[in-house]
Amino acid sequence: MNFAFTDEQAMIAETAKAFFDENATSERTRAAMDKDGVDRALWHSFCQELGLAGIALPEAHGGSGLGLVEFAILAEAAGAQVAALPMLGSLAMTAHGLARGGSEAQKAVWLPKLASGEAIGATGLAAKVTASGDRLSGTVDFVAHGASADVFLIATDSAAWLVERGAAGLIVAACTTLDQTRPF
């Protein structure tokens, strides 16, 4: 078996490393930590100028149609510079979960927004959420980048729901955490 990166993956790695080395400075990260933990200018550049946020999302919904190996390459480069971006919650969990299990209407609305950086997603795993019709009840604790999210993927062991910020009854409370680049 060959476990080496393809030429395309090596190019993605080189591009991502150069981008984050140049742009994800400690000053910018500190400034983001003083706000909501997201360097919005860096996120915009990553999503819009590089077009890499949708790397593992379907092309039909604004992505590049590549895979999780390519996404992991990006995550490694961002992590090496401690970039204050919502990559785990927005892309790895929310966008991929939606791509795999969302309705076509949900995919059409949210995947292009998540891939372009127009929207930030957050995923909450909750064992104590109940559903009755189109109403959820319960509490979901410690949602990465939840205070910045525009849409939430709420999941239990047996079901998942997409909840938009501003939904009736939704309360979002930011928590102070030790790692302020990954706020909950």
Protein backbone atom coordinates (compact mmCIF):
# COMPACT_ATOMS: atom_id res chain seq x y z
CA MET A 1 0.00 0.00 0.00
CA ASN A 2 1.10 3.53 -0.76
CA PHE A 3 0.36 6.00 2.04
CA ALA A 4 2.04 8.99 0.40
CA PHE A 5 0.02 12.06 -0.54
CA THR A 6 -0.99 12.45 -4.16
CA ASP A 7 0.44 15.41 -6.07
CA GLU A 8 -2.87 17.24 -5.57
CA GLN A 9 -2.83 16.57 -1.80
CA ALA A 10 0.78 17.75 -1.55
CA MET A 11 -0.19 20.95 -3.38
CA ILE A 12 -3.12 21.50 -0.98
CA ALA A 13 -0.78 20.96 1.99
CA GLU A 14 1.77 23.43 0.62
CA THR A 15 -0.91 26.04 -0.14
CA ALA A 16 -2.55 25.68 3.28
CA LYS A 17 0.75 25.80 5.15
CA ALA A 18 1.84 28.95 3.30
CA PHE A 19 -1.55 30.59 3.87
CA PHE A 20 -1.65 29.89 7.61
CA ASP A 21 2.07 30.66 8.12
CA GLU A 22 1.50 34.09 6.59
CA ASN A 23 -1.94 34.94 7.94
CA ALA A 24 -2.64 33.10 11.20
CA THR A 25 -0.48 35.23 13.45
CA SER A 26 -0.50 35.09 17.22
CA GLU A 27 -1.67 38.73 17.29
CA ARG A 28 -4.71 37.85 15.20
CA THR A 29 -5.45 34.81 17.33
CA ARG A 30 -5.25 36.89 20.52
CA ALA A 31 -7.59 39.48 19.01
CA ALA A 32 -10.09 36.75 18.10
CA MET A 33 -9.87 35.33 21.63
CA ASP A 34 -10.89 38.73 22.99
CA LYS A 35 -14.09 38.50 20.92
CA ASP A 36 -15.92 35.27 20.07
CA GLY A 37 -12.91 33.09 19.19
CA VAL A 38 -13.24 33.42 15.41
CA ASP A 39 -10.85 35.45 13.27
CA ARG A 40 -13.53 36.48 10.80
CA ALA A 41 -11.14 38.11 8.33
CA LEU A 42 -9.01 34.95 8.26
CA TRP A 43 -12.15 32.81 7.93
CA HIS A 44 -13.34 34.96 5.01
CA SER A 45 -9.95 34.66 3.28
CA PHE A 46 -9.80 30.91 3.89
CA CYS A 47 -13.31 30.37 2.54
CA GLN A 48 -13.54 32.99 -0.21
CA GLU A 49 -10.04 33.63 -1.51
CA LEU A 50 -8.66 30.11 -1.15
CA GLY A 51 -12.03 28.38 -1.52
CA LEU A 52 -10.88 25.58 0.77
CA ALA A 53 -13.69 25.43 3.32
CA GLY A 54 -15.77 23.19 1.08
CA ILE A 55 -12.91 20.89 0.16
CA ALA A 56 -14.69 17.72 1.30
CA LEU A 57 -18.23 18.78 0.43
CA PRO A 58 -20.11 17.75 -2.72
CA GLU A 59 -19.50 19.89 -5.78
CA ALA A 60 -23.27 20.15 -6.31
CA HIS A 61 -23.48 22.18 -3.10
CA GLY A 62 -20.49 24.51 -3.47
CA GLY A 63 -17.74 22.15 -2.40
CA SER A 64 -14.74 20.65 -4.16
CA GLY A 65 -15.85 17.04 -3.88
CA LEU A 66 -12.59 15.82 -2.37
CA GLY A 67 -12.37 13.87 0.88
CA LEU A 68 -11.55 13.87 4.55
CA VAL A 69 -7.84 13.30 3.89
CA GLU A 70 -7.73 16.67 2.16
CA PHE A 71 -9.75 18.20 4.99
CA ALA A 72 -7.31 16.73 7.53
CA ILE A 73 -4.43 18.34 5.63
CA LEU A 74 -6.13 21.73 6.05
CA ALA A 75 -6.90 21.11 9.71
CA GLU A 76 -3.29 20.18 10.39
CA ALA A 77 -2.03 23.38 8.76
CA ALA A 78 -4.54 25.52 10.68
CA GLY A 79 -3.73 23.77 13.93
CA ALA A 80 -0.01 24.22 13.49
CA GLN A 81 -0.57 27.99 13.64
CA VAL A 82 -3.42 27.87 16.19
CA ALA A 83 -5.69 29.61 13.70
CA ALA A 84 -8.87 30.86 15.37
CA LEU A 85 -11.28 29.27 12.91
CA PRO A 86 -14.45 27.20 13.39
CA MET A 87 -13.17 24.32 11.25
CA LEU A 88 -14.08 21.43 13.55
CA GLY A 89 -17.63 22.44 14.41
CA SER A 90 -18.59 24.19 11.20
CA LEU A 91 -16.94 22.05 8.56
CA ALA A 92 -15.91 18.70 10.00
CA MET A 93 -19.07 18.12 11.98
CA THR A 94 -21.94 20.32 10.81
CA ALA A 95 -21.27 20.50 7.07
CA HIS A 96 -20.27 16.85 6.75
CA GLY A 97 -23.16 15.68 8.91
CA LEU A 98 -25.56 17.73 6.82
CA ALA A 99 -24.02 16.45 3.57
CA ARG A 100 -24.48 12.86 4.70
CA GLY A 101 -27.87 13.04 6.38
CA GLY A 102 -29.66 16.27 5.58
CA SER A 103 -32.62 16.67 3.28
CA GLU A 104 -31.99 17.99 -0.23
CA ALA A 105 -33.63 21.27 0.77
CA GLN A 106 -31.36 21.62 3.82
CA LYS A 107 -28.29 20.81 1.74
CA ALA A 108 -29.28 23.32 -0.94
CA VAL A 109 -29.70 26.12 1.61
CA TRP A 110 -26.88 25.47 4.09
CA LEU A 111 -24.00 23.67 2.37
CA PRO A 112 -23.15 26.54 -0.01
CA LYS A 113 -23.28 28.98 2.93
CA LEU A 114 -21.02 26.77 5.07
CA ALA A 115 -18.61 26.15 2.18
CA SER A 116 -18.36 29.86 1.38
CA GLY A 117 -18.01 30.93 4.99
CA GLU A 118 -21.20 32.96 4.76
CA ALA A 119 -22.50 30.90 7.67
CA ILE A 120 -20.88 29.15 10.61
CA GLY A 121 -22.25 25.86 11.85
CA ALA A 122 -21.96 24.16 15.22
CA THR A 123 -22.76 20.62 16.25
CA GLY A 124 -24.13 19.67 19.63
CA LEU A 125 -24.30 16.11 20.84
CA ALA A 126 -27.06 15.64 23.38
CA ALA A 127 -28.44 12.56 25.06
CA LYS A 128 -31.16 14.54 26.82
CA VAL A 129 -32.97 16.21 23.93
CA THR A 130 -36.52 15.20 23.15
CA ALA A 131 -38.54 15.93 20.05
CA SER A 132 -42.26 16.44 19.65
CA GLY A 133 -43.24 17.28 16.10
CA ASP A 134 -41.00 20.13 15.01
CA ARG A 135 -40.12 21.15 18.60
CA LEU A 136 -37.01 20.16 20.50
CA SER A 137 -36.67 20.37 24.24
CA GLY A 138 -33.56 20.02 26.31
CA THR A 139 -30.12 21.41 26.86
CA VAL A 140 -27.02 20.90 24.79
CA ASP A 141 -23.88 21.78 26.70
CA PHE A 142 -20.45 22.70 25.37
CA VAL A 143 -21.05 23.28 21.66
CA ALA A 144 -17.79 24.34 19.99
CA HIS A 145 -18.23 27.80 18.40
CA GLY A 146 -21.90 27.71 19.40
CA ALA A 147 -21.94 31.41 20.28
CA SER A 148 -20.79 32.23 16.73
CA ALA A 149 -23.00 29.75 14.88
CA ASP A 150 -25.75 30.57 12.42
CA VAL A 151 -27.03 27.01 12.33
CA PHE A 152 -26.83 24.10 14.76
CA LEU A 153 -26.81 20.40 14.04
CA ILE A 154 -28.22 18.81 17.19
CA ALA A 155 -27.73 15.06 17.38
CA THR A 156 -28.61 12.22 19.71
CA ASP A 157 -27.79 8.54 19.34
CA SER A 158 -30.90 8.04 17.21
CA ALA A 159 -31.76 11.30 15.43
CA ALA A 160 -30.51 14.71 14.34
CA TRP A 161 -32.07 18.12 13.77
CA LEU A 162 -31.00 21.33 12.10
CA VAL A 163 -31.82 24.44 14.16
CA GLU A 164 -31.27 27.97 12.88
CA ARG A 165 -30.04 30.74 15.15
CA GLY A 166 -33.03 32.82 16.05
CA ALA A 167 -35.40 29.85 16.25
CA ALA A 168 -38.18 30.38 18.78
CA GLY A 169 -37.05 29.29 22.23
CA LEU A 170 -33.39 28.86 21.34
CA ILE A 171 -31.07 30.26 23.98
CA VAL A 172 -27.33 30.42 23.35
CA ALA A 173 -24.99 31.26 26.20
CA ALA A 174 -21.25 31.60 25.67
CA CYS A 175 -18.98 29.85 28.19
CA THR A 176 -15.51 30.96 29.20
CA THR A 177 -13.10 28.13 28.45
CA LEU A 178 -9.43 27.47 28.96
CA ASP A 179 -8.76 27.36 25.19
CA GLN A 180 -10.35 30.57 23.97
CA THR A 181 -9.65 29.70 20.33
CA ARG A 182 -12.23 26.92 20.70
CA PRO A 183 -15.02 28.66 22.61
CA PHE A 184 -18.11 26.80 23.78
